[in-house]
Amino acid sequence: GAMRANLSPEIAQLTDEAVQLSASRGNPYVGVEHLYEVLVLNYSLLPRDVRETHSAALRPIQQIVAAAKSKGSRNGHFDMHYTPRAATILTEAGHIADRLRSGQANAGHLLLALLSDPAALPSRLMDRYKVRRESIVEDLRAELQARSGMLSHAPMPAPHRPKPTSSSDTPPHERDTIATPRNGPARPRSEERRVGKECRS
């Protein structure tokens, strides 16, 4: 759909793997945590300098994310949906590729979009465990710019998002709920909200 505009076959492969990963845990949604997991599990797709410099930071966070996401209670067939945050990050990856004149977005653009969102679960975990997320973001941006042959180092505008002062102040429309589903009405994601609270506590 529109969400896949300007996304490479590489990202299509990653999102397919994220769907399989989520479904294997009985979850009816793909969230940013699933996108992050498949990015780290497909580590060779990330820019080389970032792989070599930040492996010790990226891999443990993936293990924490995997352990923190408890299995859902869904059994049998269900329609898989992207959470609004996951959909926004996929779209933002395409926008980053456009701004860098990179052609289609790839794994590096997706990781940059994800880690640029301070409210995404992997970003929150990095900040909690004092991982230098900003350093990873800067190195990712620099390597993607170099790949694109861009000489400009102008900072990219961050995606516009309200910044609640605490989780309790999060307005209802910003909470992680199911994006507009392919079939049927949207449903709240009680599983991720519960885990999100655990991760924030």
Protein backbone atom coordinates (compact mmCIF):
# COMPACT_ATOMS: atom_id res chain seq x y z
CA GLY A 1 0.00 0.00 0.00
CA ALA A 2 0.94 3.64 0.40
CA MET A 3 3.11 2.74 3.38
CA ARG A 4 5.47 0.84 1.09
CA ALA A 5 6.06 3.83 -1.20
CA ASN A 6 9.79 4.37 -1.81
CA LEU A 7 10.68 1.31 0.28
CA SER A 8 13.13 -1.17 -1.21
CA PRO A 9 12.60 -4.92 -1.61
CA GLU A 10 15.05 -5.19 1.32
CA ILE A 11 12.53 -3.45 3.59
CA ALA A 12 9.70 -5.54 2.14
CA GLN A 13 11.70 -8.62 3.19
CA LEU A 14 12.28 -7.18 6.67
CA THR A 15 8.61 -6.31 7.19
CA ASP A 16 7.61 -9.80 6.03
CA GLU A 17 9.99 -11.26 8.62
CA ALA A 18 8.57 -8.91 11.27
CA VAL A 19 5.07 -10.21 10.48
CA GLN A 20 6.29 -13.81 10.86
CA LEU A 21 8.12 -12.97 14.11
CA SER A 22 5.07 -11.29 15.61
CA ALA A 23 2.70 -14.06 14.46
CA SER A 24 4.99 -16.69 15.98
CA ARG A 25 4.41 -15.00 19.35
CA GLY A 26 0.65 -14.90 18.93
CA ASN A 27 0.48 -11.12 18.42
CA PRO A 28 -1.98 -9.64 15.89
CA TYR A 29 0.21 -6.59 15.21
CA VAL A 30 3.66 -5.56 14.00
CA GLY A 31 5.22 -2.96 16.28
CA VAL A 32 8.49 -1.05 16.25
CA GLU A 33 10.00 -3.70 18.52
CA HIS A 34 9.49 -6.34 15.80
CA LEU A 35 11.04 -4.04 13.18
CA TYR A 36 14.03 -3.47 15.44
CA GLU A 37 14.46 -7.18 16.11
CA VAL A 38 14.51 -8.14 12.43
CA LEU A 39 16.93 -5.29 11.67
CA VAL A 40 19.41 -6.63 14.22
CA LEU A 41 18.77 -10.26 13.22
CA ASN A 42 19.63 -9.22 9.63
CA TYR A 43 22.69 -7.35 10.83
CA SER A 44 24.61 -7.71 7.57
CA LEU A 45 22.07 -5.41 5.86
CA LEU A 46 23.06 -2.43 8.03
CA PRO A 47 25.80 0.02 6.94
CA ARG A 48 29.22 -1.51 7.58
CA ASP A 49 30.69 1.27 9.73
CA VAL A 50 27.62 1.24 11.97
CA ARG A 51 27.79 -2.57 12.26
CA GLU A 52 31.44 -2.46 13.26
CA THR A 53 31.15 0.48 15.67
CA HIS A 54 27.85 -0.16 17.42
CA SER A 55 27.33 -3.93 17.53
CA ALA A 56 27.92 -4.02 21.29
CA ALA A 57 25.08 -1.51 21.76
CA LEU A 58 22.55 -2.73 19.19
CA ARG A 59 22.59 -6.47 19.88
CA PRO A 60 21.90 -6.47 23.66
CA ILE A 61 18.92 -4.13 23.17
CA GLN A 62 17.49 -6.62 20.66
CA GLN A 63 17.79 -9.38 23.28
CA ILE A 64 16.08 -7.21 25.90
CA VAL A 65 13.27 -6.34 23.46
CA ALA A 66 12.77 -10.01 22.61
CA ALA A 67 12.66 -10.99 26.29
CA ALA A 68 10.35 -8.11 27.25
CA LYS A 69 7.69 -8.85 24.66
CA SER A 70 5.53 -11.51 26.25
CA LYS A 71 3.57 -13.85 24.04
CA GLY A 72 0.10 -12.76 23.05
CA SER A 73 -2.96 -14.84 23.78
CA ARG A 74 -4.20 -15.07 20.21
CA ASN A 75 -4.55 -18.50 18.65
CA GLY A 76 -5.37 -19.46 15.11
CA HIS A 77 -5.67 -17.10 12.12
CA PHE A 78 -5.99 -13.37 12.56
CA ASP A 79 -5.41 -10.29 10.47
CA MET A 80 -2.00 -8.71 11.05
CA HIS A 81 -1.82 -4.94 11.46
CA TYR A 82 0.99 -2.40 11.83
CA THR A 83 0.83 -0.19 14.89
CA PRO A 84 0.58 3.54 14.11
CA ARG A 85 4.16 4.05 15.32
CA ALA A 86 5.50 1.23 13.14
CA ALA A 87 3.60 2.57 10.13
CA THR A 88 4.94 6.09 10.81
CA ILE A 89 8.51 4.81 11.08
CA LEU A 90 8.24 2.89 7.80
CA THR A 91 6.91 6.03 6.12
CA GLU A 92 9.64 8.15 7.72
CA ALA A 93 12.30 5.76 6.38
CA GLY A 94 11.05 6.57 2.88
CA HIS A 95 11.11 10.30 3.66
CA ILE A 96 14.69 10.06 4.95
CA ALA A 97 15.74 8.31 1.74
CA ASP A 98 14.06 11.10 -0.25
CA ARG A 99 15.83 13.83 1.73
CA LEU A 100 19.19 12.08 1.29
CA ARG A 101 18.47 11.42 -2.40
CA SER A 102 19.24 7.77 -1.69
CA GLY A 103 16.68 6.24 -4.01
CA GLN A 104 14.64 3.66 -2.15
CA ALA A 105 14.87 3.31 1.61
CA ASN A 106 16.82 0.33 2.91
CA ALA A 107 17.64 -1.20 6.30
CA GLY A 108 19.89 1.71 7.29
CA HIS A 109 17.15 4.27 6.65
CA LEU A 110 14.68 2.16 8.63
CA LEU A 111 17.02 1.90 11.63
CA LEU A 112 17.69 5.66 11.44
CA ALA A 113 13.95 6.42 11.42
CA LEU A 114 13.36 4.05 14.33
CA LEU A 115 16.18 5.31 16.57
CA SER A 116 15.32 8.94 15.77
CA ASP A 117 11.98 8.41 17.54
CA PRO A 118 12.70 8.78 21.27
CA ALA A 119 9.31 7.26 22.17
CA ALA A 120 9.89 3.97 20.30
CA LEU A 121 10.47 1.05 22.67
CA PRO A 122 14.04 0.29 21.47
CA SER A 123 14.95 3.98 21.85
CA ARG A 124 13.47 4.11 25.35
CA LEU A 125 15.45 1.01 26.33
CA MET A 126 18.66 2.49 24.93
CA ASP A 127 18.09 5.68 26.89
CA ARG A 128 17.31 3.74 30.06
CA TYR A 129 20.46 1.62 29.75
CA LYS A 130 22.59 4.68 28.90
CA VAL A 131 23.33 3.49 25.36
CA ARG A 132 24.55 6.43 23.27
CA ARG A 133 21.60 6.40 20.90
CA GLU A 134 22.42 9.86 19.51
CA SER A 135 25.88 8.61 18.52
CA ILE A 136 24.35 5.69 16.59
CA VAL A 137 21.89 8.07 14.90
CA GLU A 138 24.69 10.49 13.93
CA ASP A 139 26.88 7.70 12.53
CA LEU A 140 23.97 6.18 10.62
CA ARG A 141 23.05 9.54 9.10
CA ALA A 142 26.68 10.26 8.17
CA GLU A 143 27.18 6.90 6.47
CA LEU A 144 23.87 7.11 4.60
CA GLN A 145 24.77 10.63 3.45
CA ALA A 146 28.18 9.43 2.30
CA ARG A 147 26.58 6.57 0.39
CA SER A 148 24.27 9.04 -1.29
CA GLY A 149 27.21 11.24 -2.26
CA MET A 150 25.70 14.18 -0.40
CA LEU A 151 28.12 16.82 0.84
CA SER A 152 25.53 18.68 2.87
CA HIS A 153 25.52 17.89 6.56
CA ALA A 154 22.45 19.94 7.31
CA PRO A 155 20.46 18.27 10.08
CA MET A 156 17.35 16.49 8.95
CA PRO A 157 14.14 17.73 10.50
CA ALA A 158 12.82 15.29 13.07
CA PRO A 159 9.38 13.81 12.43
CA HIS A 160 6.76 15.97 14.11
CA ARG A 161 5.38 14.29 17.22
CA PRO A 162 3.91 15.64 20.41
CA LYS A 163 6.24 14.95 23.34
CA PRO A 164 4.24 14.02 26.42
CA THR A 165 6.01 14.76 29.70
CA SER A 166 5.18 11.33 31.07
CA SER A 167 3.45 8.19 29.94
CA SER A 168 0.34 9.13 31.91
CA ASP A 169 0.09 12.36 29.92
CA THR A 170 0.09 10.55 26.59
CA PRO A 171 -3.05 11.63 24.72
CA PRO A 172 -5.26 8.71 23.65
CA HIS A 173 -4.61 9.28 19.93
CA GLU A 174 -0.84 8.93 20.50
CA ARG A 175 -1.00 5.70 22.46
CA ASP A 176 0.07 2.53 20.67
CA THR A 177 -3.13 1.18 19.20
CA ILE A 178 -3.75 -0.69 15.99
CA ALA A 179 -3.38 1.31 12.81
CA THR A 180 -6.25 1.35 10.35
CA PRO A 181 -6.52 -2.38 9.73
CA ARG A 182 -6.74 -4.02 6.35
CA ASN A 183 -9.94 -5.75 7.42
CA GLY A 184 -12.28 -4.85 10.24
CA PRO A 185 -12.23 -2.15 12.92
CA ALA A 186 -9.18 -1.07 14.85
CA ARG A 187 -8.57 -2.85 18.13
CA PRO A 188 -6.57 -1.65 21.15
CA ARG A 189 -3.27 -3.38 21.69
CA SER A 190 -3.56 -4.27 25.35
CA GLU A 191 -0.57 -6.59 25.08
CA GLU A 192 1.88 -3.88 24.02
CA ARG A 193 0.45 -1.26 26.38
CA ARG A 194 0.99 -3.70 29.24
CA VAL A 195 4.55 -4.49 28.20
CA GLY A 196 5.17 -0.81 27.51
CA LYS A 197 4.25 -0.02 31.09
CA GLU A 198 6.57 -2.73 32.33
CA CYS A 199 9.39 -1.37 30.20
CA ARG A 200 8.81 2.16 31.46
CA SER A 201 8.62 1.16 35.10
